[in-house]
Amino acid sequence: MMRSLWTAASGMIGQQFNIDTLANNLSNVNTTGFKKQRAEFEDLLYQTVLLAGTPATEVSEVPTGIQVGHGVKVSATQKMFTQGSLQSTENKLDLAMEGDGFFKIQLYDGTFAYTRDGSFKIDSNRQIVTSSGYLLEPPMVLPENSNMETFSISQDGRITVKVSGDDNPVEIGQMEAYRFVNPAGLRSIGGNLYKTTPASGEEIPGQPGIDGMAKLHQGFLEMSNVKVVEEMVNMIVAQRAYEINSKAIQTSDSMLGTAISLKR
């Protein structure tokens, strides 16, 4: 059987995965804090027919050799943590991060996850939570009789609010930001959340806006960093690569048909 059939088939499988990745990016173009993925590929093993450097004569050697490749495979899906654009919402509980960092969230099972989605809410216990009800870490609880019109979060994470009967704002907490040595190593678990892995390293906590940590912007949300035009161009390239690999299979099949017809 011709090598090219399996080589071209691996190319089609790889481009199908590429399209799957691009489709996921495009489907999340309006997802708050979403970071696009990029499919990366590497070539498969090679069959060496003639090794470079093999002696050709007593005074010379083969300069290049002969190798035949066996196709391609997916090597990684890289998360691209570039900054998304900031959109004004005028909602005092919306927070956008500008720079390197994540919010820390406590899940229902007591474990922690990280997110760039700053669309927070207040629950019935006056706690700051995500849209799914996960608690912000460290926990933030608003005092009773808080005046939400005066609720304020500074760029360095200080939370203040006025309480009925008190003319001066009260500082109720200090938000923290968290970053990683290798954020691309974080594991996506859905719901705009990430979990740590050995590749990401442990969290590095810090105060927002200090020592290179992301600044906070109240009343803004970070949009997806997906660029639709760029993804569409990548999709066209992937489609054409898929098509040309299918042509290679058709050509290999035609060559096999020609060889078989010689017997007739």
C-alpha atoms as a PDB file:
ATOM      1  CA  MET A   1       0.000   0.000   0.000  1.00  0.00           C
ATOM      2  CA  MET A   2       1.279   3.475  -0.852  1.00  0.00           C
ATOM      3  CA  ARG A   3       2.648   5.563   2.016  1.00  0.00           C
ATOM      4  CA  SER A   4       0.942   8.655   0.661  1.00  0.00           C
ATOM      5  CA  LEU A   5      -2.536   7.297   1.478  1.00  0.00           C
ATOM      6  CA  TRP A   6      -1.799   7.198   5.204  1.00  0.00           C
ATOM      7  CA  THR A   7       0.324  10.360   5.121  1.00  0.00           C
ATOM      8  CA  ALA A   8      -2.442  12.383   3.478  1.00  0.00           C
ATOM      9  CA  ALA A   9      -5.017  10.812   5.829  1.00  0.00           C
ATOM     10  CA  SER A  10      -3.028  12.077   8.840  1.00  0.00           C
ATOM     11  CA  GLY A  11      -3.090  15.532   7.239  1.00  0.00           C
ATOM     12  CA  MET A  12      -6.882  15.407   6.916  1.00  0.00           C
ATOM     13  CA  ILE A  13      -7.248  14.280  10.545  1.00  0.00           C
ATOM     14  CA  GLY A  14      -4.957  17.100  11.677  1.00  0.00           C
ATOM     15  CA  GLN A  15      -6.882  19.743   9.744  1.00  0.00           C
ATOM     16  CA  GLN A  16     -10.167  18.414  11.109  1.00  0.00           C
ATOM     17  CA  PHE A  17      -8.795  19.009  14.612  1.00  0.00           C
ATOM     18  CA  ASN A  18      -7.675  22.466  13.514  1.00  0.00           C
ATOM     19  CA  ILE A  19     -11.193  23.283  12.323  1.00  0.00           C
ATOM     20  CA  ASP A  20     -12.607  21.996  15.622  1.00  0.00           C
ATOM     21  CA  THR A  21     -10.315  24.391  17.490  1.00  0.00           C
ATOM     22  CA  LEU A  22     -11.203  27.341  15.247  1.00  0.00           C
ATOM     23  CA  ALA A  23     -14.918  26.579  15.587  1.00  0.00           C
ATOM     24  CA  ASN A  24     -14.625  26.644  19.383  1.00  0.00           C
ATOM     25  CA  ASN A  25     -12.863  30.020  19.182  1.00  0.00           C
ATOM     26  CA  LEU A  26     -15.573  31.483  16.962  1.00  0.00           C
ATOM     27  CA  SER A  27     -18.397  30.068  19.094  1.00  0.00           C
ATOM     28  CA  ASN A  28     -16.926  31.911  22.105  1.00  0.00           C
ATOM     29  CA  VAL A  29     -16.397  35.256  20.378  1.00  0.00           C
ATOM     30  CA  ASN A  30     -18.831  36.895  22.856  1.00  0.00           C
ATOM     31  CA  THR A  31     -17.782  34.916  25.952  1.00  0.00           C
ATOM     32  CA  THR A  32     -16.501  37.209  28.709  1.00  0.00           C
ATOM     33  CA  GLY A  33     -12.796  36.737  29.388  1.00  0.00           C
ATOM     34  CA  PHE A  34     -12.441  33.890  26.854  1.00  0.00           C
ATOM     35  CA  LYS A  35      -8.916  33.178  25.575  1.00  0.00           C
ATOM     36  CA  LYS A  36      -8.536  31.646  22.130  1.00  0.00           C
ATOM     37  CA  GLN A  37      -6.681  28.419  21.421  1.00  0.00           C
ATOM     38  CA  ARG A  38      -4.204  27.640  18.671  1.00  0.00           C
ATOM     39  CA  ALA A  39      -3.661  24.132  17.335  1.00  0.00           C
ATOM     40  CA  GLU A  40       0.011  23.263  16.882  1.00  0.00           C
ATOM     41  CA  PHE A  41       1.374  20.383  14.796  1.00  0.00           C
ATOM     42  CA  GLU A  42       4.532  18.333  14.427  1.00  0.00           C
ATOM     43  CA  ASP A  43       5.707  15.913  11.756  1.00  0.00           C
ATOM     44  CA  LEU A  44       5.677  12.174  12.409  1.00  0.00           C
ATOM     45  CA  LEU A  45       8.634   9.781  12.297  1.00  0.00           C
ATOM     46  CA  TYR A  46      10.696   9.364   9.128  1.00  0.00           C
ATOM     47  CA  GLN A  47      11.765   6.236   7.326  1.00  0.00           C
ATOM     48  CA  THR A  48      15.455   6.529   6.512  1.00  0.00           C
ATOM     49  CA  VAL A  49      16.261   4.897   3.165  1.00  0.00           C
ATOM     50  CA  LEU A  50      19.809   6.260   2.976  1.00  0.00           C
ATOM     51  CA  LEU A  51      21.608   7.863   5.902  1.00  0.00           C
ATOM     52  CA  ALA A  52      23.358  11.180   5.280  1.00  0.00           C
ATOM     53  CA  GLY A  53      27.120  10.811   5.658  1.00  0.00           C
ATOM     54  CA  THR A  54      27.186   7.264   4.339  1.00  0.00           C
ATOM     55  CA  PRO A  55      30.520   6.723   2.495  1.00  0.00           C
ATOM     56  CA  ALA A  56      30.015   6.902  -1.260  1.00  0.00           C
ATOM     57  CA  THR A  57      33.629   6.305  -2.263  1.00  0.00           C
ATOM     58  CA  GLU A  58      36.936   6.179  -0.440  1.00  0.00           C
ATOM     59  CA  VAL A  59      37.182   9.970  -0.571  1.00  0.00           C
ATOM     60  CA  SER A  60      33.534  11.138  -0.462  1.00  0.00           C
ATOM     61  CA  GLU A  61      30.253  10.614   1.378  1.00  0.00           C
ATOM     62  CA  VAL A  62      26.538  11.000   0.684  1.00  0.00           C
ATOM     63  CA  PRO A  63      25.742  14.665   1.447  1.00  0.00           C
ATOM     64  CA  THR A  64      21.991  14.558   2.152  1.00  0.00           C
ATOM     65  CA  GLY A  65      20.599  11.023   2.418  1.00  0.00           C
ATOM     66  CA  ILE A  66      17.030   9.870   1.716  1.00  0.00           C
ATOM     67  CA  GLN A  67      14.163  10.118   4.209  1.00  0.00           C
ATOM     68  CA  VAL A  68      10.422   9.705   3.740  1.00  0.00           C
ATOM     69  CA  GLY A  69       7.995  11.329   6.192  1.00  0.00           C
ATOM     70  CA  HIS A  70       4.794   9.731   7.443  1.00  0.00           C
ATOM     71  CA  GLY A  71       2.551  12.718   8.011  1.00  0.00           C
ATOM     72  CA  VAL A  72       1.523  14.997  10.845  1.00  0.00           C
ATOM     73  CA  LYS A  73      -0.029  14.941  14.310  1.00  0.00           C
ATOM     74  CA  VAL A  74      -1.346  17.497  16.793  1.00  0.00           C
ATOM     75  CA  SER A  75       1.362  18.391  19.310  1.00  0.00           C
ATOM     76  CA  ALA A  76      -0.441  20.953  21.484  1.00  0.00           C
ATOM     77  CA  THR A  77      -3.349  23.353  21.841  1.00  0.00           C
ATOM     78  CA  GLN A  78      -1.880  26.634  23.053  1.00  0.00           C
ATOM     79  CA  LYS A  79      -4.041  29.066  25.036  1.00  0.00           C
ATOM     80  CA  MET A  80      -3.290  32.623  23.947  1.00  0.00           C
ATOM     81  CA  PHE A  81      -3.572  34.873  27.011  1.00  0.00           C
ATOM     82  CA  THR A  82      -3.411  38.171  25.160  1.00  0.00           C
ATOM     83  CA  GLN A  83      -5.474  41.035  26.515  1.00  0.00           C
ATOM     84  CA  GLY A  84      -9.081  41.243  25.347  1.00  0.00           C
ATOM     85  CA  SER A  85     -10.751  44.593  24.753  1.00  0.00           C
ATOM     86  CA  LEU A  86     -12.567  46.250  27.671  1.00  0.00           C
ATOM     87  CA  GLN A  87     -16.263  47.033  27.352  1.00  0.00           C
ATOM     88  CA  SER A  88     -18.004  49.569  29.577  1.00  0.00           C
ATOM     89  CA  THR A  89     -21.098  48.170  31.329  1.00  0.00           C
ATOM     90  CA  GLU A  90     -21.745  50.804  34.049  1.00  0.00           C
ATOM     91  CA  ASN A  91     -22.446  47.890  36.405  1.00  0.00           C
ATOM     92  CA  LYS A  92     -20.614  48.409  39.702  1.00  0.00           C
ATOM     93  CA  LEU A  93     -20.123  44.656  40.193  1.00  0.00           C
ATOM     94  CA  ASP A  94     -18.445  44.137  36.822  1.00  0.00           C
ATOM     95  CA  LEU A  95     -14.652  43.971  36.952  1.00  0.00           C
ATOM     96  CA  ALA A  96     -12.121  43.755  34.154  1.00  0.00           C
ATOM     97  CA  MET A  97      -8.469  42.857  34.543  1.00  0.00           C
ATOM     98  CA  GLU A  98      -5.898  44.756  32.517  1.00  0.00           C
ATOM     99  CA  GLY A  99      -2.639  42.853  32.510  1.00  0.00           C
ATOM    100  CA  ASP A 100      -1.390  39.555  33.879  1.00  0.00           C
ATOM    101  CA  GLY A 101      -3.604  37.902  36.478  1.00  0.00           C
ATOM    102  CA  PHE A 102      -6.728  35.944  37.395  1.00  0.00           C
ATOM    103  CA  PHE A 103      -9.551  36.066  39.907  1.00  0.00           C
ATOM    104  CA  LYS A 104      -9.611  33.135  42.338  1.00  0.00           C
ATOM    105  CA  ILE A 105     -12.910  31.279  42.791  1.00  0.00           C
ATOM    106  CA  GLN A 106     -13.973  28.660  45.352  1.00  0.00           C
ATOM    107  CA  LEU A 107     -15.969  25.818  43.804  1.00  0.00           C
ATOM    108  CA  TYR A 108     -18.795  23.907  45.482  1.00  0.00           C
ATOM    109  CA  ASP A 109     -16.444  21.052  46.460  1.00  0.00           C
ATOM    110  CA  GLY A 110     -14.098  23.429  48.268  1.00  0.00           C
ATOM    111  CA  THR A 111     -11.392  23.394  45.603  1.00  0.00           C
ATOM    112  CA  PHE A 112     -10.250  26.521  43.791  1.00  0.00           C
ATOM    113  CA  ALA A 113     -10.310  27.658  40.187  1.00  0.00           C
ATOM    114  CA  TYR A 114      -9.254  30.793  38.335  1.00  0.00           C
ATOM    115  CA  THR A 115     -11.023  33.030  35.853  1.00  0.00           C
ATOM    116  CA  ARG A 116     -10.783  36.256  33.857  1.00  0.00           C
ATOM    117  CA  ASP A 117     -14.577  36.629  33.892  1.00  0.00           C
ATOM    118  CA  GLY A 118     -15.336  39.495  36.260  1.00  0.00           C
ATOM    119  CA  SER A 119     -19.145  39.583  35.927  1.00  0.00           C
ATOM    120  CA  PHE A 120     -19.787  39.239  39.660  1.00  0.00           C
ATOM    121  CA  LYS A 121     -23.095  39.281  41.529  1.00  0.00           C
ATOM    122  CA  ILE A 122     -24.402  39.658  45.112  1.00  0.00           C
ATOM    123  CA  ASP A 123     -26.267  36.659  46.568  1.00  0.00           C
ATOM    124  CA  SER A 124     -28.903  36.586  49.344  1.00  0.00           C
ATOM    125  CA  ASN A 125     -26.156  36.406  51.980  1.00  0.00           C
ATOM    126  CA  ARG A 126     -24.593  39.623  50.612  1.00  0.00           C
ATOM    127  CA  GLN A 127     -21.573  37.655  49.357  1.00  0.00           C
ATOM    128  CA  ILE A 128     -19.791  38.489  46.097  1.00  0.00           C
ATOM    129  CA  VAL A 129     -20.200  35.477  43.789  1.00  0.00           C
ATOM    130  CA  THR A 130     -19.858  34.530  40.122  1.00  0.00           C
ATOM    131  CA  SER A 131     -22.813  34.048  37.789  1.00  0.00           C
ATOM    132  CA  SER A 132     -22.731  30.337  38.747  1.00  0.00           C
ATOM    133  CA  GLY A 133     -22.796  31.095  42.478  1.00  0.00           C
ATOM    134  CA  TYR A 134     -19.112  30.372  43.193  1.00  0.00           C
ATOM    135  CA  LEU A 135     -17.581  32.439  45.990  1.00  0.00           C
ATOM    136  CA  LEU A 136     -14.878  34.972  45.247  1.00  0.00           C
ATOM    137  CA  GLU A 137     -11.626  34.223  47.089  1.00  0.00           C
ATOM    138  CA  PRO A 138     -10.841  35.785  49.524  1.00  0.00           C
ATOM    139  CA  PRO A 139     -14.543  35.979  50.519  1.00  0.00           C
ATOM    140  CA  MET A 140     -16.169  39.404  50.373  1.00  0.00           C
ATOM    141  CA  VAL A 141     -19.370  40.092  52.332  1.00  0.00           C
ATOM    142  CA  LEU A 142     -21.202  43.421  52.172  1.00  0.00           C
ATOM    143  CA  PRO A 143     -22.358  44.921  55.480  1.00  0.00           C
ATOM    144  CA  GLU A 144     -26.083  45.177  56.208  1.00  0.00           C
ATOM    145  CA  ASN A 145     -27.771  48.353  54.982  1.00  0.00           C
ATOM    146  CA  SER A 146     -25.017  48.912  52.400  1.00  0.00           C
ATOM    147  CA  ASN A 147     -25.677  51.626  49.850  1.00  0.00           C
ATOM    148  CA  MET A 148     -24.788  49.972  46.532  1.00  0.00           C
ATOM    149  CA  GLU A 149     -24.729  53.367  44.852  1.00  0.00           C
ATOM    150  CA  THR A 150     -21.514  54.028  46.787  1.00  0.00           C
ATOM    151  CA  PHE A 151     -19.982  50.581  46.199  1.00  0.00           C
ATOM    152  CA  SER A 152     -16.477  51.111  44.825  1.00  0.00           C
ATOM    153  CA  ILE A 153     -13.486  48.948  43.868  1.00  0.00           C
ATOM    154  CA  SER A 154     -10.201  50.716  43.237  1.00  0.00           C
ATOM    155  CA  GLN A 155      -7.623  49.643  40.666  1.00  0.00           C
ATOM    156  CA  ASP A 156      -5.540  48.125  43.448  1.00  0.00           C
ATOM    157  CA  GLY A 157      -8.484  46.047  44.723  1.00  0.00           C
ATOM    158  CA  ARG A 158      -9.688  47.996  47.772  1.00  0.00           C
ATOM    159  CA  ILE A 159     -13.466  47.615  48.237  1.00  0.00           C
ATOM    160  CA  THR A 160     -15.352  50.450  49.952  1.00  0.00           C
ATOM    161  CA  VAL A 161     -19.058  51.148  50.504  1.00  0.00           C
ATOM    162  CA  LYS A 162     -21.189  53.503  52.585  1.00  0.00           C
ATOM    163  CA  VAL A 163     -23.462  52.049  55.259  1.00  0.00           C
ATOM    164  CA  SER A 164     -26.736  53.715  56.257  1.00  0.00           C
ATOM    165  CA  GLY A 165     -26.116  56.134  59.132  1.00  0.00           C
ATOM    166  CA  ASP A 166     -22.436  56.613  58.282  1.00  0.00           C
ATOM    167  CA  ASP A 167     -21.296  59.419  55.989  1.00  0.00           C
ATOM    168  CA  ASN A 168     -17.838  57.971  55.400  1.00  0.00           C
ATOM    169  CA  PRO A 169     -17.146  54.981  53.129  1.00  0.00           C
ATOM    170  CA  VAL A 170     -16.096  51.799  54.930  1.00  0.00           C
ATOM    171  CA  GLU A 171     -13.349  49.569  53.539  1.00  0.00           C
ATOM    172  CA  ILE A 172     -14.763  46.036  53.650  1.00  0.00           C
ATOM    173  CA  GLY A 173     -12.001  44.046  51.978  1.00  0.00           C
ATOM    174  CA  GLN A 174      -8.969  43.788  49.740  1.00  0.00           C
ATOM    175  CA  MET A 175      -9.211  41.834  46.506  1.00  0.00           C
ATOM    176  CA  GLU A 176      -6.243  39.801  45.320  1.00  0.00           C
ATOM    177  CA  ALA A 177      -5.042  38.816  41.874  1.00  0.00           C
ATOM    178  CA  TYR A 178      -3.214  35.610  41.015  1.00  0.00           C
ATOM    179  CA  ARG A 179      -0.785  34.850  38.237  1.00  0.00           C
ATOM    180  CA  PHE A 180       1.254  31.853  37.064  1.00  0.00           C
ATOM    181  CA  VAL A 181       4.703  31.226  35.665  1.00  0.00           C
ATOM    182  CA  ASN A 182       3.098  29.391  32.732  1.00  0.00           C
ATOM    183  CA  PRO A 183      -0.593  30.337  32.359  1.00  0.00           C
ATOM    184  CA  ALA A 184      -0.777  28.329  29.105  1.00  0.00           C
ATOM    185  CA  GLY A 185      -0.348  25.235  31.281  1.00  0.00           C
ATOM    186  CA  LEU A 186      -3.670  25.828  33.080  1.00  0.00           C
ATOM    187  CA  ARG A 187      -6.435  23.297  32.422  1.00  0.00           C
ATOM    188  CA  SER A 188      -9.749  24.610  31.114  1.00  0.00           C
ATOM    189  CA  ILE A 189     -12.735  23.061  32.921  1.00  0.00           C
ATOM    190  CA  GLY A 190     -15.530  25.068  31.277  1.00  0.00           C
ATOM    191  CA  GLY A 191     -17.605  27.825  32.810  1.00  0.00           C
ATOM    192  CA  ASN A 192     -14.801  30.337  32.085  1.00  0.00           C
ATOM    193  CA  LEU A 193     -12.701  28.554  34.731  1.00  0.00           C
ATOM    194  CA  TYR A 194      -9.166  27.157  34.840  1.00  0.00           C
ATOM    195  CA  LYS A 195      -7.415  24.813  37.254  1.00  0.00           C
ATOM    196  CA  THR A 196      -3.747  24.479  38.020  1.00  0.00           C
ATOM    197  CA  THR A 197      -1.560  21.686  36.655  1.00  0.00           C
ATOM    198  CA  PRO A 198       2.084  20.767  37.266  1.00  0.00           C
ATOM    199  CA  ALA A 199       2.881  22.638  34.032  1.00  0.00           C
ATOM    200  CA  SER A 200       1.265  25.901  35.136  1.00  0.00           C
ATOM    201  CA  GLY A 201       3.065  26.017  38.475  1.00  0.00           C
ATOM    202  CA  GLU A 202       1.571  27.204  41.729  1.00  0.00           C
ATOM    203  CA  GLU A 203      -0.395  30.429  42.030  1.00  0.00           C
ATOM    204  CA  ILE A 204       1.485  33.657  42.738  1.00  0.00           C
ATOM    205  CA  PRO A 205      -0.819  35.951  44.760  1.00  0.00           C
ATOM    206  CA  GLY A 206      -0.472  39.694  44.812  1.00  0.00           C
ATOM    207  CA  GLN A 207      -2.264  42.999  45.082  1.00  0.00           C
ATOM    208  CA  PRO A 208      -3.819  44.210  41.825  1.00  0.00           C
ATOM    209  CA  GLY A 209      -1.810  46.925  40.118  1.00  0.00           C
ATOM    210  CA  ILE A 210       1.311  46.234  42.220  1.00  0.00           C
ATOM    211  CA  ASP A 211       4.555  44.574  41.046  1.00  0.00           C
ATOM    212  CA  GLY A 212       3.286  43.856  37.541  1.00  0.00           C
ATOM    213  CA  MET A 213      -0.046  42.374  38.637  1.00  0.00           C
ATOM    214  CA  ALA A 214      -3.160  43.201  36.595  1.00  0.00           C
ATOM    215  CA  LYS A 215      -5.083  46.376  37.390  1.00  0.00           C
ATOM    216  CA  LEU A 216      -8.819  46.246  38.067  1.00  0.00           C
ATOM    217  CA  HIS A 217     -11.382  48.381  36.231  1.00  0.00           C
ATOM    218  CA  GLN A 218     -14.800  48.674  37.857  1.00  0.00           C
ATOM    219  CA  GLY A 219     -17.764  48.918  35.510  1.00  0.00           C
ATOM    220  CA  PHE A 220     -15.953  47.128  32.687  1.00  0.00           C
ATOM    221  CA  LEU A 221     -15.773  43.560  31.374  1.00  0.00           C
ATOM    222  CA  GLU A 222     -12.950  41.983  29.393  1.00  0.00           C
ATOM    223  CA  MET A 223     -14.224  40.652  26.093  1.00  0.00           C
ATOM    224  CA  SER A 224     -12.969  37.574  24.260  1.00  0.00           C
ATOM    225  CA  ASN A 225      -9.597  38.000  22.540  1.00  0.00           C
ATOM    226  CA  VAL A 226     -10.882  36.139  19.452  1.00  0.00           C
ATOM    227  CA  LYS A 227     -10.488  38.157  16.240  1.00  0.00           C
ATOM    228  CA  VAL A 228     -13.197  36.965  13.868  1.00  0.00           C
ATOM    229  CA  VAL A 229     -11.404  37.972  10.651  1.00  0.00           C
ATOM    230  CA  GLU A 230      -8.203  36.215  11.754  1.00  0.00           C
ATOM    231  CA  GLU A 231     -10.129  33.042  12.634  1.00  0.00           C
ATOM    232  CA  MET A 232     -11.945  33.108   9.289  1.00  0.00           C
ATOM    233  CA  VAL A 233      -8.644  33.378   7.409  1.00  0.00           C
ATOM    234  CA  ASN A 234      -7.251  30.467   9.443  1.00  0.00           C
ATOM    235  CA  MET A 235     -10.385  28.484   8.644  1.00  0.00           C
ATOM    236  CA  ILE A 236      -9.931  29.060   4.909  1.00  0.00           C
ATOM    237  CA  VAL A 237      -6.293  27.926   5.164  1.00  0.00           C
ATOM    238  CA  ALA A 238      -7.356  24.804   7.091  1.00  0.00           C
ATOM    239  CA  GLN A 239     -10.114  24.054   4.570  1.00  0.00           C
ATOM    240  CA  ARG A 240      -7.706  24.293   1.644  1.00  0.00           C
ATOM    241  CA  ALA A 241      -5.133  22.132   3.443  1.00  0.00           C
ATOM    242  CA  TYR A 242      -7.839  19.531   4.088  1.00  0.00           C
ATOM    243  CA  GLU A 243      -8.872  19.692   0.434  1.00  0.00           C
ATOM    244  CA  ILE A 244      -5.330  19.290  -0.914  1.00  0.00           C
ATOM    245  CA  ASN A 245      -4.742  16.289   1.359  1.00  0.00           C
ATOM    246  CA  SER A 246      -7.910  14.708  -0.001  1.00  0.00           C
ATOM    247  CA  LYS A 247      -6.556  15.327  -3.512  1.00  0.00           C
ATOM    248  CA  ALA A 248      -3.357  13.506  -2.540  1.00  0.00           C
ATOM    249  CA  ILE A 249      -5.463  10.501  -1.506  1.00  0.00           C
ATOM    250  CA  GLN A 250      -7.371  10.624  -4.794  1.00  0.00           C
ATOM    251  CA  THR A 251      -4.100  10.836  -6.728  1.00  0.00           C
ATOM    252  CA  SER A 252      -2.650   7.872  -4.808  1.00  0.00           C
ATOM    253  CA  ASP A 253      -5.817   5.891  -5.497  1.00  0.00           C
ATOM    254  CA  SER A 254      -5.595   6.773  -9.201  1.00  0.00           C
ATOM    255  CA  MET A 255      -1.963   5.604  -9.300  1.00  0.00           C
ATOM    256  CA  LEU A 256      -2.927   2.322  -7.646  1.00  0.00           C
ATOM    257  CA  GLY A 257      -5.709   1.928 -10.201  1.00  0.00           C
ATOM    258  CA  THR A 258      -3.213   2.462 -13.012  1.00  0.00           C
ATOM    259  CA  ALA A 259      -0.865  -0.157 -11.547  1.00  0.00           C
ATOM    260  CA  ILE A 260      -3.708  -2.671 -11.204  1.00  0.00           C
ATOM    261  CA  SER A 261      -4.847  -2.079 -14.786  1.00  0.00           C
ATOM    262  CA  LEU A 262      -1.415  -3.144 -16.087  1.00  0.00           C
ATOM    263  CA  LYS A 263      -2.411  -6.754 -15.379  1.00  0.00           C
ATOM    264  CA  ARG A 264      -5.341  -6.614 -17.811  1.00  0.00           C
END
